[in-house]
Every structure is written in structure tokens, then in C-alpha cells.
Amino acid sequence: MSDDVVGVIIFFLFIILLVPTFIQIKYGVRALAGWTNMKFWQIAFFCFFGELILGIAMFFIVAFVTSLFAPVIDVPRCGFGLAGIAVFSIPFAFLNLIIALFQKIVSK
């Protein structure tokens, strides 16, 4: 498999990081309007920690995918660059909190 396939897989995994943000936008408005059984703070909590858990899970998934397509060599490769994936989810988690704060302020 080529590097293009690995790049496409990693790209779609980064798109998965946006799922909690879309959930916060869609269901946060519904919770504030009272259209769902969940409370607003429950949705914000779920999206914030879901983002962090997805970042960590994505770290392991990308490490697994890249090890599948990596050539077999005697010298081990450094995986520290993959830590950026887990760190990349932290700004998205705070973006979810900012969106939740904005939704709460606008609803009042």
C-alpha cells in the first residue's frame, strides 16, 4: 500500500474529531430549547470528554494503521510525532466548550 492510502485513512480519522463538535452544535440547541431529555450540561460534558477520548483512541488507531503499512526494518521508528494527534484533540475540546458557552449566552 502506498503512502496515499495511509494519508487518506489519517485524513478521515481527523474528520472523526469533528463529530463531537457537530453533536454539540445540533443537540446543544435542542437541549436549551427543551426538545431532548438530556440536559445541556450533560451534552457539553459528553462532547468535551468525548473529544479527548476520541483523540487518544485516534492516536492508537493511527499508530496501528501506520505500523501495518510500514516497511519491516531493523531500526525502530520514533512514534513521538503521533503524540500530536492526541494533542490536536485538546483545542477541539476547548472549541466545544466555547461553542457551549456561546450557545448558553445566546439562549438567554
PDB file of N, CA and C in Angstrom:
ATOM      1  N   MET A   1       0.840  -1.178   0.000  1.00  0.00           N
ATOM      2  CA  MET A   1       0.000   0.000   0.000  1.00  0.00           C
ATOM      3  C   MET A   1       0.884   1.240   0.000  1.00  0.00           C
ATOM      4  N   SER A   2       0.384   2.243  -0.628  1.00  0.00           N
ATOM      5  CA  SER A   2       1.192   3.450  -0.753  1.00  0.00           C
ATOM      6  C   SER A   2       0.907   4.413   0.389  1.00  0.00           C
ATOM      7  N   ASP A   3       1.712   5.463   0.412  1.00  0.00           N
ATOM      8  CA  ASP A   3       1.535   6.497   1.428  1.00  0.00           C
ATOM      9  C   ASP A   3       0.243   7.277   1.212  1.00  0.00           C
ATOM     10  N   ASP A   4      -0.263   7.290  -0.015  1.00  0.00           N
ATOM     11  CA  ASP A   4      -1.516   7.992  -0.287  1.00  0.00           C
ATOM     12  C   ASP A   4      -2.678   7.350   0.452  1.00  0.00           C
ATOM     13  N   VAL A   5      -2.691   6.034   0.514  1.00  0.00           N
ATOM     14  CA  VAL A   5      -3.772   5.330   1.211  1.00  0.00           C
ATOM     15  C   VAL A   5      -3.713   5.628   2.696  1.00  0.00           C
ATOM     16  N   VAL A   6      -2.517   5.614   3.260  1.00  0.00           N
ATOM     17  CA  VAL A   6      -2.351   5.930   4.677  1.00  0.00           C
ATOM     18  C   VAL A   6      -2.779   7.372   4.935  1.00  0.00           C
ATOM     19  N   GLY A   7      -2.441   8.273   4.034  1.00  0.00           N
ATOM     20  CA  GLY A   7      -2.833   9.670   4.188  1.00  0.00           C
ATOM     21  C   GLY A   7      -4.333   9.858   4.160  1.00  0.00           C
ATOM     22  N   VAL A   8      -5.019   9.137   3.293  1.00  0.00           N
ATOM     23  CA  VAL A   8      -6.484   9.222   3.220  1.00  0.00           C
ATOM     24  C   VAL A   8      -7.110   8.672   4.491  1.00  0.00           C
ATOM     25  N   ILE A   9      -6.576   7.569   5.013  1.00  0.00           N
ATOM     26  CA  ILE A   9      -7.093   6.993   6.257  1.00  0.00           C
ATOM     27  C   ILE A   9      -6.909   7.970   7.404  1.00  0.00           C
ATOM     28  N   ILE A  10      -5.748   8.580   7.496  1.00  0.00           N
ATOM     29  CA  ILE A  10      -5.485   9.542   8.567  1.00  0.00           C
ATOM     30  C   ILE A  10      -6.368  10.774   8.413  1.00  0.00           C
ATOM     31  N   PHE A  11      -6.615  11.216   7.179  1.00  0.00           N
ATOM     32  CA  PHE A  11      -7.495  12.358   6.945  1.00  0.00           C
ATOM     33  C   PHE A  11      -8.902  12.080   7.468  1.00  0.00           C
ATOM     34  N   PHE A  12      -9.443  10.899   7.171  1.00  0.00           N
ATOM     35  CA  PHE A  12     -10.778  10.570   7.643  1.00  0.00           C
ATOM     36  C   PHE A  12     -10.821  10.408   9.154  1.00  0.00           C
ATOM     37  N   LEU A  13      -9.726   9.985   9.745  1.00  0.00           N
ATOM     38  CA  LEU A  13      -9.683   9.911  11.202  1.00  0.00           C
ATOM     39  C   LEU A  13      -9.699  11.311  11.814  1.00  0.00           C
ATOM     40  N   PHE A  14      -9.066  12.278  11.150  1.00  0.00           N
ATOM     41  CA  PHE A  14      -9.127  13.656  11.641  1.00  0.00           C
ATOM     42  C   PHE A  14     -10.539  14.222  11.500  1.00  0.00           C
ATOM     43  N   ILE A  15     -11.252  13.815  10.474  1.00  0.00           N
ATOM     44  CA  ILE A  15     -12.635  14.256  10.308  1.00  0.00           C
ATOM     45  C   ILE A  15     -13.491  13.737  11.459  1.00  0.00           C
ATOM     46  N   ILE A  16     -13.164  12.553  11.960  1.00  0.00           N
ATOM     47  CA  ILE A  16     -13.903  11.986  13.089  1.00  0.00           C
ATOM     48  C   ILE A  16     -13.788  12.880  14.319  1.00  0.00           C
ATOM     49  N   LEU A  17     -12.687  13.621  14.448  1.00  0.00           N
ATOM     50  CA  LEU A  17     -12.533  14.535  15.575  1.00  0.00           C
ATOM     51  C   LEU A  17     -13.597  15.631  15.587  1.00  0.00           C
ATOM     52  N   LEU A  18     -14.208  15.909  14.464  1.00  0.00           N
ATOM     53  CA  LEU A  18     -15.216  16.955  14.398  1.00  0.00           C
ATOM     54  C   LEU A  18     -16.605  16.470  14.820  1.00  0.00           C
ATOM     55  N   VAL A  19     -16.795  15.182  14.992  1.00  0.00           N
ATOM     56  CA  VAL A  19     -18.114  14.643  15.330  1.00  0.00           C
ATOM     57  C   VAL A  19     -18.650  15.214  16.652  1.00  0.00           C
ATOM     58  N   PRO A  20     -17.881  15.245  17.756  1.00  0.00           N
ATOM     59  CA  PRO A  20     -18.431  15.835  18.981  1.00  0.00           C
ATOM     60  C   PRO A  20     -18.788  17.321  18.830  1.00  0.00           C
ATOM     61  N   THR A  21     -18.076  18.030  17.982  1.00  0.00           N
ATOM     62  CA  THR A  21     -18.400  19.438  17.751  1.00  0.00           C
ATOM     63  C   THR A  21     -19.757  19.567  17.074  1.00  0.00           C
ATOM     64  N   PHE A  22     -20.010  18.729  16.077  1.00  0.00           N
ATOM     65  CA  PHE A  22     -21.312  18.768  15.412  1.00  0.00           C
ATOM     66  C   PHE A  22     -22.427  18.315  16.351  1.00  0.00           C
ATOM     67  N   ILE A  23     -22.144  17.347  17.219  1.00  0.00           N
ATOM     68  CA  ILE A  23     -23.135  16.913  18.202  1.00  0.00           C
ATOM     69  C   ILE A  23     -23.452  18.063  19.153  1.00  0.00           C
ATOM     70  N   GLN A  24     -22.419  18.785  19.585  1.00  0.00           N
ATOM     71  CA  GLN A  24     -22.641  19.915  20.487  1.00  0.00           C
ATOM     72  C   GLN A  24     -23.497  20.982  19.821  1.00  0.00           C
ATOM     73  N   ILE A  25     -23.219  21.274  18.566  1.00  0.00           N
ATOM     74  CA  ILE A  25     -23.986  22.304  17.869  1.00  0.00           C
ATOM     75  C   ILE A  25     -25.436  21.862  17.697  1.00  0.00           C
ATOM     76  N   LYS A  26     -25.653  20.639  17.259  1.00  0.00           N
ATOM     77  CA  LYS A  26     -27.014  20.182  16.968  1.00  0.00           C
ATOM     78  C   LYS A  26     -27.828  19.941  18.233  1.00  0.00           C
ATOM     79  N   TYR A  27     -27.302  19.146  19.143  1.00  0.00           N
ATOM     80  CA  TYR A  27     -28.079  18.761  20.314  1.00  0.00           C
ATOM     81  C   TYR A  27     -27.981  19.768  21.452  1.00  0.00           C
ATOM     82  N   GLY A  28     -26.985  20.639  21.430  1.00  0.00           N
ATOM     83  CA  GLY A  28     -26.923  21.698  22.431  1.00  0.00           C
ATOM     84  C   GLY A  28     -28.079  22.668  22.290  1.00  0.00           C
ATOM     85  N   VAL A  29     -28.400  23.020  21.061  1.00  0.00           N
ATOM     86  CA  VAL A  29     -29.542  23.900  20.802  1.00  0.00           C
ATOM     87  C   VAL A  29     -30.839  23.203  21.205  1.00  0.00           C
ATOM     88  N   ARG A  30     -30.949  21.927  20.901  1.00  0.00           N
ATOM     89  CA  ARG A  30     -32.157  21.184  21.263  1.00  0.00           C
ATOM     90  C   ARG A  30     -32.313  21.066  22.773  1.00  0.00           C
ATOM     91  N   ALA A  31     -31.196  20.884  23.484  1.00  0.00           N
ATOM     92  CA  ALA A  31     -31.274  20.785  24.946  1.00  0.00           C
ATOM     93  C   ALA A  31     -31.666  22.123  25.561  1.00  0.00           C
ATOM     94  N   LEU A  32     -31.154  23.206  25.027  1.00  0.00           N
ATOM     95  CA  LEU A  32     -31.524  24.518  25.547  1.00  0.00           C
ATOM     96  C   LEU A  32     -32.988  24.843  25.284  1.00  0.00           C
ATOM     97  N   ALA A  33     -33.517  24.353  24.187  1.00  0.00           N
ATOM     98  CA  ALA A  33     -34.925  24.595  23.867  1.00  0.00           C
ATOM     99  C   ALA A  33     -35.850  23.612  24.581  1.00  0.00           C
ATOM    100  N   GLY A  34     -35.277  22.589  25.206  1.00  0.00           N
ATOM    101  CA  GLY A  34     -36.089  21.611  25.923  1.00  0.00           C
ATOM    102  C   GLY A  34     -36.657  20.530  25.028  1.00  0.00           C
ATOM    103  N   TRP A  35     -36.073  20.298  23.868  1.00  0.00           N
ATOM    104  CA  TRP A  35     -36.588  19.312  22.925  1.00  0.00           C
ATOM    105  C   TRP A  35     -36.031  17.914  23.162  1.00  0.00           C
ATOM    106  N   THR A  36     -35.066  17.777  24.070  1.00  0.00           N
ATOM    107  CA  THR A  36     -34.488  16.463  24.353  1.00  0.00           C
ATOM    108  C   THR A  36     -34.608  16.164  25.844  1.00  0.00           C
ATOM    109  N   ASN A  37     -34.402  14.916  26.194  1.00  0.00           N
ATOM    110  CA  ASN A  37     -34.447  14.527  27.603  1.00  0.00           C
ATOM    111  C   ASN A  37     -33.150  14.854  28.326  1.00  0.00           C
ATOM    112  N   MET A  38     -32.079  15.046  27.575  1.00  0.00           N
ATOM    113  CA  MET A  38     -30.788  15.350  28.196  1.00  0.00           C
ATOM    114  C   MET A  38     -30.704  16.827  28.533  1.00  0.00           C
ATOM    115  N   LYS A  39     -29.980  17.099  29.592  1.00  0.00           N
ATOM    116  CA  LYS A  39     -29.752  18.489  29.972  1.00  0.00           C
ATOM    117  C   LYS A  39     -28.569  19.037  29.183  1.00  0.00           C
ATOM    118  N   PHE A  40     -28.481  20.357  29.125  1.00  0.00           N
ATOM    119  CA  PHE A  40     -27.425  20.992  28.339  1.00  0.00           C
ATOM    120  C   PHE A  40     -26.043  20.643  28.873  1.00  0.00           C
ATOM    121  N   TRP A  41     -25.895  20.636  30.201  1.00  0.00           N
ATOM    122  CA  TRP A  41     -24.583  20.349  30.772  1.00  0.00           C
ATOM    123  C   TRP A  41     -24.159  18.911  30.478  1.00  0.00           C
ATOM    124  N   GLN A  42     -25.119  17.987  30.354  1.00  0.00           N
ATOM    125  CA  GLN A  42     -24.784  16.603  30.032  1.00  0.00           C
ATOM    126  C   GLN A  42     -24.231  16.497  28.605  1.00  0.00           C
ATOM    127  N   ILE A  43     -24.833  17.229  27.698  1.00  0.00           N
ATOM    128  CA  ILE A  43     -24.358  17.203  26.310  1.00  0.00           C
ATOM    129  C   ILE A  43     -22.986  17.849  26.210  1.00  0.00           C
ATOM    130  N   ALA A  44     -22.786  18.975  26.892  1.00  0.00           N
ATOM    131  CA  ALA A  44     -21.484  19.641  26.866  1.00  0.00           C
ATOM    132  C   ALA A  44     -20.406  18.744  27.488  1.00  0.00           C
ATOM    133  N   PHE A  45     -20.736  18.090  28.584  1.00  0.00           N
ATOM    134  CA  PHE A  45     -19.802  17.170  29.246  1.00  0.00           C
ATOM    135  C   PHE A  45     -19.452  16.000  28.334  1.00  0.00           C
ATOM    136  N   PHE A  46     -20.472  15.420  27.716  1.00  0.00           N
ATOM    137  CA  PHE A  46     -20.277  14.296  26.802  1.00  0.00           C
ATOM    138  C   PHE A  46     -19.389  14.695  25.625  1.00  0.00           C
ATOM    139  N   CYS A  47     -19.632  15.858  25.050  1.00  0.00           N
ATOM    140  CA  CYS A  47     -18.862  16.296  23.881  1.00  0.00           C
ATOM    141  C   CYS A  47     -17.419  16.638  24.256  1.00  0.00           C
ATOM    142  N   PHE A  48     -17.223  17.290  25.405  1.00  0.00           N
ATOM    143  CA  PHE A  48     -15.872  17.660  25.826  1.00  0.00           C
ATOM    144  C   PHE A  48     -15.011  16.422  26.064  1.00  0.00           C
ATOM    145  N   PHE A  49     -15.499  15.509  26.871  1.00  0.00           N
ATOM    146  CA  PHE A  49     -14.705  14.324  27.172  1.00  0.00           C
ATOM    147  C   PHE A  49     -14.704  13.326  26.014  1.00  0.00           C
ATOM    148  N   GLY A  50     -15.750  13.336  25.225  1.00  0.00           N
ATOM    149  CA  GLY A  50     -15.751  12.505  24.025  1.00  0.00           C
ATOM    150  C   GLY A  50     -14.662  12.920  23.058  1.00  0.00           C
ATOM    151  N   GLU A  51     -14.442  14.224  22.961  1.00  0.00           N
ATOM    152  CA  GLU A  51     -13.378  14.731  22.092  1.00  0.00           C
ATOM    153  C   GLU A  51     -12.003  14.268  22.580  1.00  0.00           C
ATOM    154  N   LEU A  52     -11.786  14.345  23.876  1.00  0.00           N
ATOM    155  CA  LEU A  52     -10.495  13.906  24.424  1.00  0.00           C
ATOM    156  C   LEU A  52     -10.296  12.403  24.250  1.00  0.00           C
ATOM    157  N   ILE A  53     -11.342  11.625  24.480  1.00  0.00           N
ATOM    158  CA  ILE A  53     -11.240  10.171  24.329  1.00  0.00           C
ATOM    159  C   ILE A  53     -11.034   9.802  22.861  1.00  0.00           C
ATOM    160  N   LEU A  54     -11.718  10.499  21.952  1.00  0.00           N
ATOM    161  CA  LEU A  54     -11.512  10.240  20.518  1.00  0.00           C
ATOM    162  C   LEU A  54     -10.079  10.567  20.102  1.00  0.00           C
ATOM    163  N   GLY A  55      -9.505  11.619  20.663  1.00  0.00           N
ATOM    164  CA  GLY A  55      -8.119  11.965  20.336  1.00  0.00           C
ATOM    165  C   GLY A  55      -7.141  10.880  20.755  1.00  0.00           C
ATOM    166  N   ILE A  56      -7.353  10.341  21.941  1.00  0.00           N
ATOM    167  CA  ILE A  56      -6.476   9.276  22.422  1.00  0.00           C
ATOM    168  C   ILE A  56      -6.685   8.002  21.608  1.00  0.00           C
ATOM    169  N   ALA A  57      -7.950   7.683  21.324  1.00  0.00           N
ATOM    170  CA  ALA A  57      -8.234   6.495  20.515  1.00  0.00           C
ATOM    171  C   ALA A  57      -7.655   6.640  19.114  1.00  0.00           C
ATOM    172  N   MET A  58      -7.754   7.840  18.567  1.00  0.00           N
ATOM    173  CA  MET A  58      -7.218   8.072  17.228  1.00  0.00           C
ATOM    174  C   MET A  58      -5.702   7.920  17.209  1.00  0.00           C
ATOM    175  N   PHE A  59      -5.044   8.294  18.294  1.00  0.00           N
ATOM    176  CA  PHE A  59      -3.604   8.101  18.407  1.00  0.00           C
ATOM    177  C   PHE A  59      -3.250   6.629  18.221  1.00  0.00           C
ATOM    178  N   PHE A  60      -3.970   5.756  18.905  1.00  0.00           N
ATOM    179  CA  PHE A  60      -3.685   4.325  18.801  1.00  0.00           C
ATOM    180  C   PHE A  60      -4.074   3.770  17.435  1.00  0.00           C
ATOM    181  N   ILE A  61      -5.164   4.269  16.876  1.00  0.00           N
ATOM    182  CA  ILE A  61      -5.585   3.794  15.555  1.00  0.00           C
ATOM    183  C   ILE A  61      -4.567   4.175  14.488  1.00  0.00           C
ATOM    184  N   VAL A  62      -4.110   5.425  14.529  1.00  0.00           N
ATOM    185  CA  VAL A  62      -3.119   5.866  13.538  1.00  0.00           C
ATOM    186  C   VAL A  62      -1.804   5.122  13.730  1.00  0.00           C
ATOM    187  N   ALA A  63      -1.412   4.883  14.974  1.00  0.00           N
ATOM    188  CA  ALA A  63      -0.192   4.107  15.215  1.00  0.00           C
ATOM    189  C   ALA A  63      -0.330   2.698  14.643  1.00  0.00           C
ATOM    190  N   PHE A  64      -1.506   2.106  14.785  1.00  0.00           N
ATOM    191  CA  PHE A  64      -1.743   0.765  14.243  1.00  0.00           C
ATOM    192  C   PHE A  64      -1.745   0.775  12.725  1.00  0.00           C
ATOM    193  N   VAL A  65      -2.429   1.752  12.122  1.00  0.00           N
ATOM    194  CA  VAL A  65      -2.520   1.823  10.660  1.00  0.00           C
ATOM    195  C   VAL A  65      -1.146   2.067  10.044  1.00  0.00           C
ATOM    196  N   THR A  66      -0.384   2.974  10.616  1.00  0.00           N
ATOM    197  CA  THR A  66       0.939   3.247  10.050  1.00  0.00           C
ATOM    198  C   THR A  66       1.892   2.070  10.251  1.00  0.00           C
ATOM    199  N   SER A  67       1.704   1.299  11.333  1.00  0.00           N
ATOM    200  CA  SER A  67       2.571   0.133  11.515  1.00  0.00           C
ATOM    201  C   SER A  67       2.194  -0.990  10.543  1.00  0.00           C
ATOM    202  N   LEU A  68       0.935  -1.031  10.119  1.00  0.00           N
ATOM    203  CA  LEU A  68       0.544  -2.044   9.136  1.00  0.00           C
ATOM    204  C   LEU A  68       1.214  -1.825   7.789  1.00  0.00           C
ATOM    205  N   PHE A  69       1.307  -0.551   7.399  1.00  0.00           N
ATOM    206  CA  PHE A  69       1.829  -0.230   6.081  1.00  0.00           C
ATOM    207  C   PHE A  69       3.315   0.136   6.099  1.00  0.00           C
ATOM    208  N   ALA A  70       3.943   0.103   7.254  1.00  0.00           N
ATOM    209  CA  ALA A  70       5.358   0.459   7.347  1.00  0.00           C
ATOM    210  C   ALA A  70       6.216  -0.709   6.868  1.00  0.00           C
ATOM    211  N   PRO A  71       7.310  -0.403   6.212  1.00  0.00           N
ATOM    212  CA  PRO A  71       8.209  -1.495   5.815  1.00  0.00           C
ATOM    213  C   PRO A  71       8.888  -2.094   7.044  1.00  0.00           C
ATOM    214  N   VAL A  72       9.189  -3.344   6.943  1.00  0.00           N
ATOM    215  CA  VAL A  72       9.847  -4.023   8.056  1.00  0.00           C
ATOM    216  C   VAL A  72      11.324  -3.652   8.028  1.00  0.00           C
ATOM    217  N   ILE A  73      11.751  -2.984   9.078  1.00  0.00           N
ATOM    218  CA  ILE A  73      13.148  -2.570   9.194  1.00  0.00           C
ATOM    219  C   ILE A  73      13.653  -2.961  10.572  1.00  0.00           C
ATOM    220  N   ASP A  74      14.973  -3.032  10.698  1.00  0.00           N
ATOM    221  CA  ASP A  74      15.571  -3.419  11.970  1.00  0.00           C
ATOM    222  C   ASP A  74      15.602  -2.265  12.963  1.00  0.00           C
ATOM    223  N   VAL A  75      15.674  -1.050  12.457  1.00  0.00           N
ATOM    224  CA  VAL A  75      15.756   0.111  13.332  1.00  0.00           C
ATOM    225  C   VAL A  75      14.333   0.571  13.669  1.00  0.00           C
ATOM    226  N   PRO A  76      13.968   0.620  14.944  1.00  0.00           N
ATOM    227  CA  PRO A  76      12.610   1.058  15.285  1.00  0.00           C
ATOM    228  C   PRO A  76      12.419   2.543  14.975  1.00  0.00           C
ATOM    229  N   ARG A  77      11.214   2.869  14.532  1.00  0.00           N
ATOM    230  CA  ARG A  77      10.908   4.255  14.225  1.00  0.00           C
ATOM    231  C   ARG A  77      10.372   4.950  15.462  1.00  0.00           C
ATOM    232  N   CYS A  78      10.570   6.247  15.515  1.00  0.00           N
ATOM    233  CA  CYS A  78      10.079   7.040  16.634  1.00  0.00           C
ATOM    234  C   CYS A  78       8.604   7.350  16.399  1.00  0.00           C
ATOM    235  N   GLY A  79       7.787   7.107  17.394  1.00  0.00           N
ATOM    236  CA  GLY A  79       6.362   7.381  17.282  1.00  0.00           C
ATOM    237  C   GLY A  79       5.948   8.659  17.975  1.00  0.00           C
ATOM    238  N   PHE A  80       6.923   9.491  18.341  1.00  0.00           N
ATOM    239  CA  PHE A  80       6.587  10.706  19.085  1.00  0.00           C
ATOM    240  C   PHE A  80       5.780  11.679  18.245  1.00  0.00           C
ATOM    241  N   GLY A  81       5.941  11.629  16.943  1.00  0.00           N
ATOM    242  CA  GLY A  81       5.159  12.515  16.085  1.00  0.00           C
ATOM    243  C   GLY A  81       3.675  12.235  16.154  1.00  0.00           C
ATOM    244  N   LEU A  82       3.319  11.002  16.512  1.00  0.00           N
ATOM    245  CA  LEU A  82       1.904  10.655  16.645  1.00  0.00           C
ATOM    246  C   LEU A  82       1.274  11.299  17.875  1.00  0.00           C
ATOM    247  N   ALA A  83       2.083  11.742  18.814  1.00  0.00           N
ATOM    248  CA  ALA A  83       1.536  12.399  20.002  1.00  0.00           C
ATOM    249  C   ALA A  83       0.818  13.687  19.633  1.00  0.00           C
ATOM    250  N   GLY A  84       1.167  14.268  18.502  1.00  0.00           N
ATOM    251  CA  GLY A  84       0.488  15.467  18.032  1.00  0.00           C
ATOM    252  C   GLY A  84      -0.985  15.226  17.759  1.00  0.00           C
ATOM    253  N   ILE A  85      -1.336  14.012  17.414  1.00  0.00           N
ATOM    254  CA  ILE A  85      -2.737  13.685  17.164  1.00  0.00           C
ATOM    255  C   ILE A  85      -3.533  13.799  18.457  1.00  0.00           C
ATOM    256  N   ALA A  86      -3.010  13.241  19.540  1.00  0.00           N
ATOM    257  CA  ALA A  86      -3.703  13.335  20.819  1.00  0.00           C
ATOM    258  C   ALA A  86      -3.748  14.780  21.303  1.00  0.00           C
ATOM    259  N   VAL A  87      -2.683  15.521  21.077  1.00  0.00           N
ATOM    260  CA  VAL A  87      -2.643  16.920  21.487  1.00  0.00           C
ATOM    261  C   VAL A  87      -3.550  17.763  20.595  1.00  0.00           C
ATOM    262  N   PHE A  88      -3.739  17.345  19.365  1.00  0.00           N
ATOM    263  CA  PHE A  88      -4.588  18.067  18.421  1.00  0.00           C
ATOM    264  C   PHE A  88      -6.047  18.072  18.870  1.00  0.00           C
ATOM    265  N   SER A  89      -6.445  17.069  19.650  1.00  0.00           N
ATOM    266  CA  SER A  89      -7.834  16.997  20.098  1.00  0.00           C
ATOM    267  C   SER A  89      -8.127  17.978  21.229  1.00  0.00           C
ATOM    268  N   ILE A  90      -7.103  18.441  21.928  1.00  0.00           N
ATOM    269  CA  ILE A  90      -7.323  19.365  23.042  1.00  0.00           C
ATOM    270  C   ILE A  90      -7.914  20.689  22.573  1.00  0.00           C
ATOM    271  N   PRO A  91      -7.408  21.337  21.507  1.00  0.00           N
ATOM    272  CA  PRO A  91      -8.071  22.571  21.044  1.00  0.00           C
ATOM    273  C   PRO A  91      -9.504  22.331  20.579  1.00  0.00           C
ATOM    274  N   PHE A  92      -9.779  21.166  19.983  1.00  0.00           N
ATOM    275  CA  PHE A  92     -11.147  20.869  19.583  1.00  0.00           C
ATOM    276  C   PHE A  92     -12.044  20.714  20.805  1.00  0.00           C
ATOM    277  N   ALA A  93     -11.517  20.147  21.888  1.00  0.00           N
ATOM    278  CA  ALA A  93     -12.311  20.006  23.109  1.00  0.00           C
ATOM    279  C   ALA A  93     -12.653  21.382  23.682  1.00  0.00           C
ATOM    280  N   PHE A  94     -11.682  22.287  23.673  1.00  0.00           N
ATOM    281  CA  PHE A  94     -11.977  23.631  24.171  1.00  0.00           C
ATOM    282  C   PHE A  94     -12.864  24.406  23.205  1.00  0.00           C
ATOM    283  N   LEU A  95     -12.781  24.097  21.928  1.00  0.00           N
ATOM    284  CA  LEU A  95     -13.710  24.688  20.967  1.00  0.00           C
ATOM    285  C   LEU A  95     -15.137  24.259  21.290  1.00  0.00           C
ATOM    286  N   ASN A  96     -15.312  23.007  21.698  1.00  0.00           N
ATOM    287  CA  ASN A  96     -16.635  22.549  22.114  1.00  0.00           C
ATOM    288  C   ASN A  96     -17.131  23.335  23.322  1.00  0.00           C
ATOM    289  N   LEU A  97     -16.247  23.612  24.270  1.00  0.00           N
ATOM    290  CA  LEU A  97     -16.651  24.399  25.432  1.00  0.00           C
ATOM    291  C   LEU A  97     -17.012  25.827  25.044  1.00  0.00           C
ATOM    292  N   ILE A  98     -16.274  26.402  24.112  1.00  0.00           N
ATOM    293  CA  ILE A  98     -16.579  27.757  23.647  1.00  0.00           C
ATOM    294  C   ILE A  98     -17.922  27.771  22.922  1.00  0.00           C
ATOM    295  N   ILE A  99     -18.183  26.758  22.117  1.00  0.00           N
ATOM    296  CA  ILE A  99     -19.468  26.664  21.430  1.00  0.00           C
ATOM    297  C   ILE A  99     -20.596  26.518  22.456  1.00  0.00           C
ATOM    298  N   ALA A 100     -20.386  25.686  23.478  1.00  0.00           N
ATOM    299  CA  ALA A 100     -21.405  25.512  24.514  1.00  0.00           C
ATOM    300  C   ALA A 100     -21.652  26.821  25.263  1.00  0.00           C
ATOM    301  N   LEU A 101     -20.586  27.548  25.571  1.00  0.00           N
ATOM    302  CA  LEU A 101     -20.737  28.837  26.246  1.00  0.00           C
ATOM    303  C   LEU A 101     -21.487  29.820  25.360  1.00  0.00           C
ATOM    304  N   PHE A 102     -21.158  29.842  24.099  1.00  0.00           N
ATOM    305  CA  PHE A 102     -21.830  30.731  23.154  1.00  0.00           C
ATOM    306  C   PHE A 102     -23.314  30.363  23.035  1.00  0.00           C
ATOM    307  N   GLN A 103     -23.615  29.078  22.987  1.00  0.00           N
ATOM    308  CA  GLN A 103     -25.000  28.651  22.908  1.00  0.00           C
ATOM    309  C   GLN A 103     -25.769  29.060  24.160  1.00  0.00           C
ATOM    310  N   LYS A 104     -25.143  28.936  25.310  1.00  0.00           N
ATOM    311  CA  LYS A 104     -25.795  29.292  26.569  1.00  0.00           C
ATOM    312  C   LYS A 104     -26.038  30.790  26.656  1.00  0.00           C
ATOM    313  N   ILE A 105     -25.065  31.588  26.222  1.00  0.00           N
ATOM    314  CA  ILE A 105     -25.217  33.047  26.266  1.00  0.00           C
ATOM    315  C   ILE A 105     -26.299  33.510  25.294  1.00  0.00           C
ATOM    316  N   VAL A 106     -26.316  32.945  24.102  1.00  0.00           N
ATOM    317  CA  VAL A 106     -27.291  33.361  23.094  1.00  0.00           C
ATOM    318  C   VAL A 106     -28.709  32.960  23.504  1.00  0.00           C
ATOM    319  N   SER A 107     -28.845  31.853  24.210  1.00  0.00           N
ATOM    320  CA  SER A 107     -30.186  31.390  24.583  1.00  0.00           C
ATOM    321  C   SER A 107     -30.834  32.253  25.663  1.00  0.00           C
ATOM    322  N   LYS A 108     -30.045  33.019  26.398  1.00  0.00           N
ATOM    323  CA  LYS A 108     -30.605  33.837  27.488  1.00  0.00           C
ATOM    324  C   LYS A 108     -31.180  35.119  26.979  1.00  0.00           C
TER     325      LYS A 108
END
